[in-house]
């Protein structure tokens, strides 16, 4: 099989900038002349590992409590990311967002990755969380999403009802510390160049070109 240049993306499904960053990176990739030579691997990261799933609590209340903000300030912050998302064609319904721990969602991403469906799973979970207001910690929701992208029902149920892939999630989180990711999204190109945050598409395109040039030296 022809070798490909790897781009690793550390992300959390409840991170509003991660979905925006995904779109901006995809825009850059669509403009990149060697997109077929690029392989993307999604990596797990948790912004708040201790977060308790509380379906009845608004995301504004959660942010106010955890960051010491006023409700109004939390609302303004969410409006800011909603506007930013709109610029890249995404619809954020932050008023519907469910406060949910993302660990099980990450375990499901790990299962999907093993079957070459990591990107599809990541996309679907983002949409479920930010647009549809679904509880992405709920096992039935996760099972439905898994089936939607073509995962096997029995296997998905077995994963959700066990601690399968928990170690893979923890490994990714540990690895994030090793590569210097303090927050997400965090993009690593060919293990040589890093881009932190939802940067403009031009930044991603420049980094793709630069890292591809270096990658070609060892993969002519």
N, C-alpha and C. Protein backbone atom coordinates (compact mmCIF):
# COMPACT_ATOMS: atom_id res chain seq x y z
N UNK A 1 0.83 -1.20 0.00
CA UNK A 1 0.00 0.00 0.00
C UNK A 1 0.87 1.25 0.00
N UNK A 2 0.48 2.23 -0.77
CA UNK A 2 1.23 3.47 -0.89
C UNK A 2 1.24 4.22 0.46
N UNK A 3 2.41 4.62 0.94
CA UNK A 3 2.45 5.35 2.22
C UNK A 3 1.77 6.71 2.10
N UNK A 4 1.24 7.18 3.22
CA UNK A 4 0.58 8.49 3.24
C UNK A 4 1.13 9.34 4.37
N UNK A 5 1.06 10.64 4.18
CA UNK A 5 1.48 11.56 5.23
C UNK A 5 0.37 11.64 6.27
N UNK A 6 0.74 11.50 7.52
CA UNK A 6 -0.28 11.46 8.57
C UNK A 6 -0.53 12.83 9.19
N UNK A 7 -1.81 13.12 9.37
CA UNK A 7 -2.21 14.30 10.14
C UNK A 7 -3.05 13.79 11.31
N UNK A 8 -2.56 14.04 12.52
CA UNK A 8 -3.28 13.60 13.72
C UNK A 8 -4.02 14.80 14.31
N UNK A 9 -5.29 14.57 14.68
CA UNK A 9 -6.10 15.67 15.21
C UNK A 9 -6.65 15.28 16.59
N UNK A 10 -6.17 15.98 17.62
CA UNK A 10 -6.72 15.78 18.96
C UNK A 10 -7.95 16.67 19.11
N UNK A 11 -9.03 16.08 19.62
CA UNK A 11 -10.31 16.79 19.61
C UNK A 11 -11.23 16.24 20.69
N UNK A 12 -12.19 17.06 21.12
CA UNK A 12 -13.24 16.59 22.04
C UNK A 12 -14.58 16.89 21.39
N UNK A 13 -15.52 15.95 21.46
CA UNK A 13 -16.80 16.12 20.76
C UNK A 13 -17.64 17.26 21.32
N UNK A 14 -17.31 17.73 22.53
CA UNK A 14 -18.07 18.84 23.11
C UNK A 14 -17.31 20.17 23.00
N UNK A 15 -16.28 20.19 22.17
CA UNK A 15 -15.47 21.40 21.98
C UNK A 15 -15.97 22.15 20.75
N UNK A 16 -16.56 23.35 20.94
CA UNK A 16 -17.12 24.07 19.78
C UNK A 16 -16.08 24.47 18.73
N UNK A 17 -14.85 24.73 19.18
CA UNK A 17 -13.80 25.13 18.24
C UNK A 17 -13.28 23.94 17.43
N UNK A 18 -13.48 22.72 17.96
CA UNK A 18 -13.02 21.52 17.26
C UNK A 18 -13.81 21.27 15.98
N UNK A 19 -15.12 21.47 16.04
CA UNK A 19 -15.97 21.28 14.87
C UNK A 19 -15.65 22.35 13.82
N UNK A 20 -15.46 23.58 14.28
CA UNK A 20 -15.09 24.68 13.38
C UNK A 20 -13.72 24.41 12.76
N UNK A 21 -12.79 23.94 13.60
CA UNK A 21 -11.45 23.61 13.12
C UNK A 21 -11.47 22.50 12.08
N UNK A 22 -12.36 21.52 12.29
CA UNK A 22 -12.52 20.42 11.33
C UNK A 22 -12.92 20.97 9.96
N UNK A 23 -13.90 21.89 9.94
CA UNK A 23 -14.36 22.46 8.68
C UNK A 23 -13.26 23.28 7.99
N UNK A 24 -12.54 24.05 8.77
CA UNK A 24 -11.48 24.89 8.18
C UNK A 24 -10.35 24.03 7.63
N UNK A 25 -10.03 22.96 8.36
CA UNK A 25 -9.00 22.03 7.88
C UNK A 25 -9.47 21.35 6.59
N UNK A 26 -10.74 20.96 6.54
CA UNK A 26 -11.29 20.31 5.34
C UNK A 26 -11.25 21.25 4.14
N UNK A 27 -11.49 22.53 4.39
CA UNK A 27 -11.41 23.53 3.32
C UNK A 27 -9.98 23.57 2.77
N UNK A 28 -9.00 23.59 3.68
CA UNK A 28 -7.59 23.60 3.28
C UNK A 28 -7.24 22.34 2.50
N UNK A 29 -7.72 21.20 2.97
CA UNK A 29 -7.42 19.92 2.33
C UNK A 29 -8.00 19.87 0.91
N UNK A 30 -9.18 20.48 0.74
CA UNK A 30 -9.80 20.49 -0.59
C UNK A 30 -9.02 21.36 -1.59
N UNK A 31 -8.21 22.28 -1.05
CA UNK A 31 -7.40 23.16 -1.91
C UNK A 31 -5.97 22.63 -2.08
N UNK A 32 -5.65 21.57 -1.35
CA UNK A 32 -4.30 21.01 -1.35
C UNK A 32 -4.16 20.01 -2.49
N UNK A 33 -3.13 20.16 -3.30
CA UNK A 33 -2.95 19.34 -4.50
C UNK A 33 -2.63 17.88 -4.25
N UNK A 34 -2.24 17.52 -3.03
CA UNK A 34 -1.86 16.13 -2.75
C UNK A 34 -2.73 15.52 -1.65
N UNK A 35 -4.00 15.91 -1.63
CA UNK A 35 -4.93 15.44 -0.59
C UNK A 35 -5.00 13.91 -0.52
N UNK A 36 -4.83 13.25 -1.68
CA UNK A 36 -4.90 11.77 -1.72
C UNK A 36 -3.74 11.12 -0.97
N UNK A 37 -2.69 11.89 -0.73
CA UNK A 37 -1.52 11.37 -0.02
C UNK A 37 -1.59 11.65 1.48
N UNK A 38 -2.73 12.14 1.94
CA UNK A 38 -2.88 12.51 3.36
C UNK A 38 -3.82 11.55 4.07
N UNK A 39 -3.40 11.08 5.23
CA UNK A 39 -4.24 10.22 6.05
C UNK A 39 -4.51 10.93 7.37
N UNK A 40 -5.78 10.98 7.76
CA UNK A 40 -6.16 11.69 8.98
C UNK A 40 -6.46 10.69 10.08
N UNK A 41 -5.91 10.94 11.26
CA UNK A 41 -6.26 10.11 12.42
C UNK A 41 -6.79 11.01 13.52
N UNK A 42 -8.02 10.73 13.96
CA UNK A 42 -8.62 11.47 15.06
C UNK A 42 -8.15 10.88 16.38
N UNK A 43 -7.79 11.77 17.30
CA UNK A 43 -7.29 11.36 18.61
C UNK A 43 -8.20 11.91 19.71
N UNK A 44 -8.35 11.13 20.76
CA UNK A 44 -9.25 11.52 21.86
C UNK A 44 -8.59 12.53 22.79
N UNK A 45 -9.43 13.43 23.30
CA UNK A 45 -9.01 14.42 24.29
C UNK A 45 -10.25 14.80 25.09
N UNK A 46 -10.10 15.01 26.39
CA UNK A 46 -11.23 15.46 27.20
C UNK A 46 -10.93 16.82 27.82
N UNK A 47 -11.76 17.79 27.48
CA UNK A 47 -11.59 19.13 28.05
C UNK A 47 -11.87 19.11 29.55
N UNK A 48 -12.84 18.29 29.95
CA UNK A 48 -13.17 18.18 31.36
C UNK A 48 -13.50 16.73 31.70
N UNK A 49 -12.46 15.95 32.06
CA UNK A 49 -12.67 14.52 32.35
C UNK A 49 -13.63 14.28 33.52
N UNK A 50 -13.70 15.25 34.47
CA UNK A 50 -14.54 15.08 35.66
C UNK A 50 -15.99 15.48 35.44
N UNK A 51 -16.31 15.98 34.25
CA UNK A 51 -17.66 16.47 33.99
C UNK A 51 -18.71 15.39 34.24
N UNK A 52 -19.75 15.76 34.99
CA UNK A 52 -20.87 14.85 35.22
C UNK A 52 -21.94 15.14 34.16
N UNK A 53 -22.57 14.10 33.67
CA UNK A 53 -23.64 14.27 32.68
C UNK A 53 -24.91 14.73 33.40
N UNK A 54 -25.39 15.92 33.04
CA UNK A 54 -26.60 16.49 33.66
C UNK A 54 -27.53 16.98 32.55
N UNK A 55 -28.40 16.10 32.02
CA UNK A 55 -29.24 16.47 30.89
C UNK A 55 -30.12 17.70 31.12
N UNK A 56 -30.52 17.96 32.37
CA UNK A 56 -31.44 19.09 32.62
C UNK A 56 -30.77 20.45 32.70
N UNK A 57 -29.44 20.47 32.73
CA UNK A 57 -28.72 21.74 32.94
C UNK A 57 -28.33 22.37 31.61
N UNK A 58 -28.52 23.69 31.49
CA UNK A 58 -28.12 24.35 30.24
C UNK A 58 -26.62 24.53 30.21
N UNK A 59 -26.08 24.61 29.00
CA UNK A 59 -24.63 24.78 28.84
C UNK A 59 -24.20 26.14 29.40
N UNK A 60 -25.11 27.11 29.38
CA UNK A 60 -24.82 28.43 29.95
C UNK A 60 -24.64 28.34 31.47
N UNK A 61 -25.52 27.57 32.11
CA UNK A 61 -25.42 27.37 33.56
C UNK A 61 -24.12 26.64 33.91
N UNK A 62 -23.82 25.62 33.10
CA UNK A 62 -22.60 24.84 33.34
C UNK A 62 -21.36 25.73 33.25
N UNK A 63 -21.28 26.55 32.20
CA UNK A 63 -20.12 27.43 32.02
C UNK A 63 -20.02 28.45 33.14
N UNK A 64 -21.17 29.01 33.54
CA UNK A 64 -21.19 30.00 34.62
C UNK A 64 -20.65 29.40 35.92
N UNK A 65 -21.08 28.17 36.22
CA UNK A 65 -20.65 27.49 37.44
C UNK A 65 -19.16 27.13 37.40
N UNK A 66 -18.73 26.62 36.25
CA UNK A 66 -17.36 26.09 36.17
C UNK A 66 -16.29 27.13 35.89
N UNK A 67 -16.67 28.22 35.26
CA UNK A 67 -15.67 29.24 34.91
C UNK A 67 -15.82 30.51 35.74
N UNK A 68 -16.83 30.52 36.60
CA UNK A 68 -17.05 31.70 37.42
C UNK A 68 -17.61 32.88 36.62
N UNK A 69 -18.29 32.57 35.52
CA UNK A 69 -18.88 33.61 34.68
C UNK A 69 -20.29 33.91 35.14
N UNK A 70 -20.85 35.03 34.64
CA UNK A 70 -22.28 35.27 34.79
C UNK A 70 -22.98 34.50 33.67
N UNK A 71 -24.28 34.27 33.85
CA UNK A 71 -25.06 33.59 32.79
C UNK A 71 -25.01 34.40 31.50
N UNK A 72 -25.09 35.72 31.65
CA UNK A 72 -25.05 36.59 30.46
C UNK A 72 -23.74 36.46 29.70
N UNK A 73 -22.64 36.39 30.46
CA UNK A 73 -21.33 36.25 29.81
C UNK A 73 -21.22 34.90 29.09
N UNK A 74 -21.76 33.85 29.74
CA UNK A 74 -21.75 32.51 29.12
C UNK A 74 -22.56 32.53 27.82
N UNK A 75 -23.70 33.22 27.88
CA UNK A 75 -24.57 33.32 26.70
C UNK A 75 -23.84 34.04 25.56
N UNK A 76 -23.14 35.12 25.91
CA UNK A 76 -22.39 35.89 24.91
C UNK A 76 -21.28 35.03 24.29
N UNK A 77 -20.59 34.27 25.13
CA UNK A 77 -19.51 33.40 24.65
C UNK A 77 -20.05 32.36 23.68
N UNK A 78 -21.21 31.80 24.01
CA UNK A 78 -21.83 30.80 23.13
C UNK A 78 -22.34 31.42 21.84
N UNK A 79 -22.81 32.66 21.92
CA UNK A 79 -23.26 33.36 20.72
C UNK A 79 -22.07 33.62 19.79
N UNK A 80 -20.93 33.94 20.41
CA UNK A 80 -19.70 34.20 19.65
C UNK A 80 -19.30 32.96 18.83
N UNK A 81 -19.28 31.78 19.48
CA UNK A 81 -18.89 30.57 18.74
C UNK A 81 -19.96 30.15 17.74
N UNK A 82 -21.23 30.46 18.05
CA UNK A 82 -22.33 30.16 17.12
C UNK A 82 -22.15 30.96 15.83
N UNK A 83 -21.78 32.23 15.98
CA UNK A 83 -21.54 33.09 14.80
C UNK A 83 -20.33 32.60 14.01
N UNK A 84 -19.30 32.19 14.74
CA UNK A 84 -18.08 31.67 14.10
C UNK A 84 -18.39 30.39 13.31
N UNK A 85 -19.22 29.55 13.90
CA UNK A 85 -19.61 28.29 13.25
C UNK A 85 -20.39 28.57 11.97
N UNK A 86 -21.25 29.58 12.02
CA UNK A 86 -22.08 29.95 10.87
C UNK A 86 -21.22 30.32 9.67
N UNK A 87 -20.07 30.94 9.95
CA UNK A 87 -19.15 31.36 8.87
C UNK A 87 -18.61 30.17 8.07
N UNK A 88 -18.57 29.00 8.71
CA UNK A 88 -18.08 27.81 7.99
C UNK A 88 -19.22 26.85 7.65
N UNK A 89 -20.45 27.37 7.71
CA UNK A 89 -21.61 26.58 7.29
C UNK A 89 -22.18 25.63 8.32
N UNK A 90 -21.85 25.85 9.60
CA UNK A 90 -22.36 24.97 10.66
C UNK A 90 -23.46 25.67 11.46
N UNK A 91 -24.41 24.88 11.93
CA UNK A 91 -25.49 25.41 12.76
C UNK A 91 -25.30 24.93 14.19
N UNK A 92 -25.04 25.86 15.10
CA UNK A 92 -24.91 25.52 16.52
C UNK A 92 -26.18 25.95 17.24
N UNK A 93 -26.81 25.01 17.95
CA UNK A 93 -27.96 25.31 18.80
C UNK A 93 -27.52 25.12 20.24
N UNK A 94 -26.75 26.09 20.74
CA UNK A 94 -26.15 25.94 22.07
C UNK A 94 -27.19 25.86 23.19
N UNK A 95 -28.36 26.45 22.96
CA UNK A 95 -29.42 26.38 23.98
C UNK A 95 -29.93 24.95 24.16
N UNK A 96 -29.71 24.12 23.15
CA UNK A 96 -30.17 22.72 23.22
C UNK A 96 -29.06 21.77 23.68
N UNK A 97 -27.81 22.27 23.74
CA UNK A 97 -26.67 21.39 24.06
C UNK A 97 -26.83 20.75 25.44
N UNK A 98 -26.51 19.45 25.51
CA UNK A 98 -26.65 18.70 26.76
C UNK A 98 -25.28 18.57 27.44
N UNK A 99 -25.24 18.92 28.71
CA UNK A 99 -24.00 18.78 29.50
C UNK A 99 -23.73 17.28 29.65
N UNK A 100 -22.70 16.78 28.97
CA UNK A 100 -22.46 15.33 28.92
C UNK A 100 -20.97 15.00 28.93
N UNK A 101 -20.58 14.05 29.77
CA UNK A 101 -19.20 13.58 29.76
C UNK A 101 -18.93 12.85 28.44
N UNK A 102 -17.78 13.11 27.85
CA UNK A 102 -17.52 12.61 26.49
C UNK A 102 -16.73 11.29 26.44
N UNK A 103 -16.45 10.67 27.59
CA UNK A 103 -15.57 9.50 27.59
C UNK A 103 -16.12 8.33 26.74
N UNK A 104 -17.41 8.02 26.91
CA UNK A 104 -17.98 6.90 26.14
C UNK A 104 -18.05 7.23 24.65
N UNK A 105 -18.31 8.49 24.34
CA UNK A 105 -18.30 8.91 22.92
C UNK A 105 -16.92 8.67 22.32
N UNK A 106 -15.88 8.95 23.10
CA UNK A 106 -14.51 8.73 22.62
C UNK A 106 -14.21 7.24 22.43
N UNK A 107 -14.77 6.41 23.31
CA UNK A 107 -14.57 4.96 23.15
C UNK A 107 -15.20 4.49 21.83
N UNK A 108 -16.34 5.09 21.50
CA UNK A 108 -17.02 4.74 20.25
C UNK A 108 -16.22 5.22 19.04
N UNK A 109 -15.59 6.38 19.16
CA UNK A 109 -14.72 6.89 18.08
C UNK A 109 -13.57 5.90 17.85
N UNK A 110 -13.02 5.38 18.94
CA UNK A 110 -11.91 4.42 18.82
C UNK A 110 -12.36 3.16 18.08
N UNK A 111 -13.58 2.70 18.37
CA UNK A 111 -14.12 1.53 17.66
C UNK A 111 -14.27 1.86 16.17
N UNK A 112 -14.83 3.04 15.88
CA UNK A 112 -15.04 3.45 14.49
C UNK A 112 -13.72 3.57 13.74
N UNK A 113 -12.69 4.08 14.41
CA UNK A 113 -11.36 4.22 13.80
C UNK A 113 -10.82 2.89 13.32
N UNK A 114 -11.04 1.85 14.11
CA UNK A 114 -10.55 0.52 13.76
C UNK A 114 -11.16 0.03 12.44
N UNK A 115 -12.30 0.61 12.08
CA UNK A 115 -13.00 0.19 10.86
C UNK A 115 -12.95 1.25 9.77
N UNK A 116 -12.03 2.19 9.93
CA UNK A 116 -11.87 3.23 8.91
C UNK A 116 -13.01 4.24 8.88
N UNK A 117 -13.76 4.35 10.00
CA UNK A 117 -14.91 5.25 10.04
C UNK A 117 -14.73 6.36 11.09
N UNK A 118 -13.48 6.64 11.44
CA UNK A 118 -13.21 7.65 12.48
C UNK A 118 -13.74 9.02 12.12
N UNK A 119 -13.51 9.43 10.88
CA UNK A 119 -13.94 10.76 10.46
C UNK A 119 -15.46 10.86 10.44
N UNK A 120 -16.12 9.82 9.96
CA UNK A 120 -17.59 9.81 9.91
C UNK A 120 -18.18 9.87 11.31
N UNK A 121 -17.56 9.15 12.25
CA UNK A 121 -18.05 9.14 13.62
C UNK A 121 -17.85 10.51 14.28
N UNK A 122 -16.69 11.08 14.06
CA UNK A 122 -16.38 12.40 14.62
C UNK A 122 -17.40 13.44 14.13
N UNK A 123 -17.63 13.43 12.82
CA UNK A 123 -18.59 14.36 12.21
C UNK A 123 -19.98 14.19 12.79
N UNK A 124 -20.40 12.93 12.91
CA UNK A 124 -21.77 12.64 13.37
C UNK A 124 -21.97 13.03 14.83
N UNK A 125 -20.93 12.82 15.66
CA UNK A 125 -21.02 13.19 17.08
C UNK A 125 -21.06 14.71 17.26
N UNK A 126 -20.26 15.42 16.47
CA UNK A 126 -20.29 16.88 16.52
C UNK A 126 -21.69 17.40 16.21
N UNK A 127 -22.26 16.86 15.13
CA UNK A 127 -23.59 17.30 14.71
C UNK A 127 -24.64 16.98 15.79
N UNK A 128 -24.53 15.79 16.36
CA UNK A 128 -25.47 15.37 17.41
C UNK A 128 -25.40 16.32 18.60
N UNK A 129 -24.18 16.70 18.97
CA UNK A 129 -24.00 17.55 20.15
C UNK A 129 -24.38 19.01 19.88
N UNK A 130 -23.82 19.58 18.82
CA UNK A 130 -23.97 21.02 18.61
C UNK A 130 -25.23 21.43 17.85
N UNK A 131 -25.70 20.58 16.96
CA UNK A 131 -26.85 20.96 16.13
C UNK A 131 -28.14 20.34 16.65
N UNK A 132 -28.08 19.06 17.01
CA UNK A 132 -29.31 18.33 17.35
C UNK A 132 -29.63 18.32 18.84
N UNK A 133 -28.67 18.75 19.67
CA UNK A 133 -28.92 18.79 21.11
C UNK A 133 -29.12 17.42 21.74
N UNK A 134 -28.38 16.42 21.21
CA UNK A 134 -28.51 15.06 21.74
C UNK A 134 -27.54 14.83 22.90
N UNK A 135 -27.93 13.92 23.78
CA UNK A 135 -27.08 13.57 24.92
C UNK A 135 -26.04 12.55 24.45
N UNK A 136 -24.83 13.01 24.20
CA UNK A 136 -23.79 12.15 23.63
C UNK A 136 -23.10 11.27 24.68
N UNK A 137 -23.67 11.23 25.88
CA UNK A 137 -23.21 10.27 26.89
C UNK A 137 -24.21 9.12 27.01
N UNK A 138 -25.38 9.30 26.42
CA UNK A 138 -26.44 8.29 26.49
C UNK A 138 -26.12 7.12 25.55
N UNK A 139 -26.14 5.93 26.08
CA UNK A 139 -25.75 4.75 25.30
C UNK A 139 -26.67 4.48 24.12
N UNK A 140 -27.96 4.75 24.28
CA UNK A 140 -28.89 4.52 23.16
C UNK A 140 -28.60 5.51 22.03
N UNK A 141 -28.31 6.75 22.40
CA UNK A 141 -27.95 7.77 21.40
C UNK A 141 -26.69 7.34 20.67
N UNK A 142 -25.70 6.89 21.43
CA UNK A 142 -24.43 6.46 20.84
C UNK A 142 -24.61 5.23 19.95
N UNK A 143 -25.46 4.31 20.37
CA UNK A 143 -25.73 3.12 19.56
C UNK A 143 -26.38 3.53 18.24
N UNK A 144 -27.38 4.41 18.31
CA UNK A 144 -28.06 4.87 17.10
C UNK A 144 -27.09 5.54 16.13
N UNK A 145 -26.18 6.35 16.68
CA UNK A 145 -25.19 7.03 15.84
C UNK A 145 -24.25 6.01 15.20
N UNK A 146 -23.83 5.03 16.00
CA UNK A 146 -22.96 3.96 15.49
C UNK A 146 -23.60 3.22 14.32
N UNK A 147 -24.88 2.89 14.48
CA UNK A 147 -25.60 2.18 13.41
C UNK A 147 -25.74 3.05 12.17
N UNK A 148 -25.95 4.35 12.40
CA UNK A 148 -26.10 5.30 11.28
C UNK A 148 -24.87 5.32 10.38
N UNK A 149 -23.69 5.22 11.00
CA UNK A 149 -22.46 5.29 10.18
C UNK A 149 -21.97 3.90 9.76
N UNK A 150 -22.76 2.88 10.10
CA UNK A 150 -22.44 1.55 9.58
C UNK A 150 -21.69 0.62 10.51
N UNK A 151 -21.71 0.90 11.82
CA UNK A 151 -21.09 -0.02 12.77
C UNK A 151 -22.05 -1.18 13.04
N UNK A 152 -21.49 -2.31 13.45
CA UNK A 152 -22.28 -3.49 13.76
C UNK A 152 -22.99 -3.30 15.10
N UNK A 153 -24.28 -3.63 15.15
CA UNK A 153 -25.08 -3.39 16.36
C UNK A 153 -24.54 -4.16 17.57
N UNK A 154 -24.32 -5.47 17.39
CA UNK A 154 -23.87 -6.31 18.51
C UNK A 154 -22.52 -5.84 19.04
N UNK A 155 -21.61 -5.57 18.13
CA UNK A 155 -20.27 -5.12 18.54
C UNK A 155 -20.33 -3.77 19.26
N UNK A 156 -21.15 -2.87 18.74
CA UNK A 156 -21.28 -1.54 19.35
C UNK A 156 -21.87 -1.65 20.75
N UNK A 157 -22.88 -2.49 20.90
CA UNK A 157 -23.49 -2.70 22.22
C UNK A 157 -22.48 -3.29 23.20
N UNK A 158 -21.68 -4.24 22.72
CA UNK A 158 -20.66 -4.86 23.58
C UNK A 158 -19.64 -3.81 24.06
N UNK A 159 -19.25 -2.93 23.15
CA UNK A 159 -18.28 -1.88 23.50
C UNK A 159 -18.89 -0.94 24.54
N UNK A 160 -20.12 -0.49 24.29
CA UNK A 160 -20.77 0.46 25.21
C UNK A 160 -21.03 -0.13 26.58
N UNK A 161 -21.31 -1.44 26.62
CA UNK A 161 -21.62 -2.08 27.91
C UNK A 161 -20.40 -2.65 28.62
N UNK A 162 -19.22 -2.24 28.17
CA UNK A 162 -17.98 -2.69 28.81
C UNK A 162 -17.05 -1.47 28.93
N UNK A 163 -15.79 -1.73 29.24
CA UNK A 163 -14.85 -0.59 29.24
C UNK A 163 -13.89 -0.71 28.05
N UNK A 164 -14.35 -1.40 26.99
CA UNK A 164 -13.53 -1.57 25.78
C UNK A 164 -13.09 -0.20 25.26
N UNK A 165 -11.85 -0.15 24.80
CA UNK A 165 -11.23 1.04 24.21
C UNK A 165 -10.94 2.17 25.21
N UNK A 166 -11.23 1.94 26.49
CA UNK A 166 -10.93 2.96 27.50
C UNK A 166 -9.44 3.26 27.52
N UNK A 167 -8.65 2.19 27.38
CA UNK A 167 -7.19 2.35 27.41
C UNK A 167 -6.70 3.15 26.19
N UNK A 168 -7.35 2.95 25.06
CA UNK A 168 -6.99 3.69 23.84
C UNK A 168 -7.25 5.19 24.02
N UNK A 169 -8.38 5.50 24.66
CA UNK A 169 -8.73 6.91 24.93
C UNK A 169 -7.68 7.53 25.85
N UNK A 170 -7.34 6.82 26.92
CA UNK A 170 -6.35 7.34 27.88
C UNK A 170 -4.98 7.49 27.22
N UNK A 171 -4.65 6.57 26.34
CA UNK A 171 -3.36 6.64 25.63
C UNK A 171 -3.29 7.90 24.77
N UNK A 172 -4.39 8.21 24.07
CA UNK A 172 -4.44 9.42 23.25
C UNK A 172 -4.27 10.68 24.10
N UNK A 173 -4.95 10.68 25.26
CA UNK A 173 -4.89 11.84 26.15
C UNK A 173 -3.46 12.01 26.70
N UNK A 174 -2.83 10.90 27.04
CA UNK A 174 -1.44 10.95 27.51
C UNK A 174 -0.52 11.47 26.40
N UNK A 175 -0.76 10.96 25.19
CA UNK A 175 0.04 11.35 24.03
C UNK A 175 -0.08 12.85 23.74
N UNK A 176 -1.27 13.38 23.99
CA UNK A 176 -1.50 14.82 23.78
C UNK A 176 -0.53 15.64 24.63
N UNK A 177 -0.32 15.20 25.86
CA UNK A 177 0.63 15.89 26.75
C UNK A 177 2.05 15.81 26.19
N UNK A 178 2.38 14.65 25.61
CA UNK A 178 3.73 14.45 25.06
C UNK A 178 4.02 15.34 23.86
N UNK A 179 2.99 15.62 23.06
CA UNK A 179 3.21 16.45 21.86
C UNK A 179 2.94 17.93 22.13
N UNK A 180 2.60 18.24 23.38
CA UNK A 180 2.44 19.65 23.75
C UNK A 180 1.05 20.22 23.56
N UNK A 181 0.03 19.35 23.44
CA UNK A 181 -1.34 19.84 23.29
C UNK A 181 -1.91 20.19 24.66
N UNK A 182 -2.16 21.48 24.87
CA UNK A 182 -2.74 21.92 26.14
C UNK A 182 -4.25 22.11 26.01
N UNK A 183 -4.69 22.20 24.78
CA UNK A 183 -6.12 22.34 24.50
C UNK A 183 -6.39 21.79 23.12
N UNK A 184 -7.65 21.83 22.71
CA UNK A 184 -8.01 21.30 21.40
C UNK A 184 -8.88 22.31 20.65
N UNK A 185 -8.92 22.21 19.31
CA UNK A 185 -8.28 21.19 18.47
C UNK A 185 -6.77 21.40 18.38
N UNK A 186 -6.06 20.29 18.19
CA UNK A 186 -4.60 20.34 18.06
C UNK A 186 -4.21 19.41 16.92
N UNK A 187 -3.60 19.98 15.90
CA UNK A 187 -3.28 19.24 14.67
C UNK A 187 -1.77 19.00 14.59
N UNK A 188 -1.38 17.77 14.34
CA UNK A 188 0.05 17.46 14.18
C UNK A 188 0.26 16.87 12.79
N UNK A 189 1.12 17.52 12.02
CA UNK A 189 1.39 17.14 10.63
C UNK A 189 2.71 16.38 10.55
N UNK A 190 2.64 15.13 10.13
CA UNK A 190 3.85 14.34 9.89
C UNK A 190 4.77 14.30 11.12
N UNK A 191 4.19 14.45 12.31
CA UNK A 191 4.94 14.45 13.56
C UNK A 191 6.05 15.52 13.60
N UNK A 192 5.88 16.57 12.77
CA UNK A 192 6.91 17.61 12.70
C UNK A 192 6.37 19.01 12.94
N UNK A 193 5.16 19.26 12.47
CA UNK A 193 4.58 20.60 12.59
C UNK A 193 3.25 20.51 13.33
N UNK A 194 2.98 21.51 14.14
CA UNK A 194 1.72 21.52 14.90
C UNK A 194 0.96 22.81 14.67
N UNK A 195 -0.35 22.70 14.64
CA UNK A 195 -1.23 23.87 14.57
C UNK A 195 -2.22 23.73 15.72
N UNK A 196 -2.27 24.76 16.56
CA UNK A 196 -3.16 24.73 17.71
C UNK A 196 -4.36 25.64 17.46
N UNK A 197 -5.55 25.12 17.71
CA UNK A 197 -6.76 25.92 17.58
C UNK A 197 -7.41 25.85 16.20
N UNK A 198 -8.59 26.48 16.11
CA UNK A 198 -9.34 26.51 14.84
C UNK A 198 -8.82 27.64 13.97
N UNK A 199 -7.63 27.45 13.45
CA UNK A 199 -6.97 28.50 12.66
C UNK A 199 -7.64 28.67 11.29
N UNK A 200 -7.40 29.81 10.63
CA UNK A 200 -7.96 29.99 9.28
C UNK A 200 -7.45 28.91 8.33
N UNK A 201 -8.24 28.61 7.29
CA UNK A 201 -7.90 27.57 6.32
C UNK A 201 -6.51 27.79 5.71
N UNK A 202 -6.13 29.07 5.50
CA UNK A 202 -4.82 29.37 4.88
C UNK A 202 -3.67 28.84 5.73
N UNK A 203 -3.83 28.91 7.06
CA UNK A 203 -2.78 28.41 7.97
C UNK A 203 -2.64 26.90 7.81
N UNK A 204 -3.77 26.22 7.73
CA UNK A 204 -3.74 24.76 7.54
C UNK A 204 -3.13 24.41 6.18
N UNK A 205 -3.48 25.17 5.16
CA UNK A 205 -2.97 24.90 3.82
C UNK A 205 -1.45 25.09 3.77
N UNK A 206 -0.96 26.17 4.36
CA UNK A 206 0.49 26.43 4.40
C UNK A 206 1.21 25.30 5.13
N UNK A 207 0.61 24.84 6.24
CA UNK A 207 1.25 23.77 7.03
C UNK A 207 1.22 22.45 6.27
N UNK A 208 0.14 22.20 5.55
CA UNK A 208 0.06 20.99 4.71
C UNK A 208 1.17 21.00 3.66
N UNK A 209 1.35 22.15 3.01
CA UNK A 209 2.36 22.25 1.95
C UNK A 209 3.77 22.08 2.50
N UNK A 210 4.02 22.73 3.63
CA UNK A 210 5.34 22.67 4.25
C UNK A 210 5.67 21.26 4.73
N UNK A 211 4.69 20.62 5.41
CA UNK A 211 4.95 19.28 5.94
C UNK A 211 5.02 18.23 4.82
N UNK A 212 4.26 18.45 3.75
CA UNK A 212 4.29 17.52 2.62
C UNK A 212 5.66 17.55 1.93
N UNK A 213 6.20 18.75 1.83
CA UNK A 213 7.53 18.91 1.23
C UNK A 213 8.57 18.09 2.01
N UNK A 214 8.50 18.19 3.33
CA UNK A 214 9.43 17.44 4.19
C UNK A 214 9.15 15.93 4.09
N UNK A 215 7.88 15.58 4.07
CA UNK A 215 7.48 14.16 4.01
C UNK A 215 7.98 13.54 2.71
N UNK A 216 7.91 14.29 1.61
CA UNK A 216 8.33 13.78 0.29
C UNK A 216 9.81 13.42 0.24
N UNK A 217 10.60 14.09 1.04
CA UNK A 217 12.05 13.81 1.06
C UNK A 217 12.34 12.37 1.48
N UNK A 218 11.48 11.85 2.38
CA UNK A 218 11.68 10.45 2.81
C UNK A 218 10.72 9.50 2.08
N UNK A 219 9.74 10.06 1.36
CA UNK A 219 8.79 9.24 0.59
C UNK A 219 8.68 9.74 -0.83
N UNK A 220 9.76 9.64 -1.60
CA UNK A 220 9.76 10.22 -2.95
C UNK A 220 8.75 9.52 -3.86
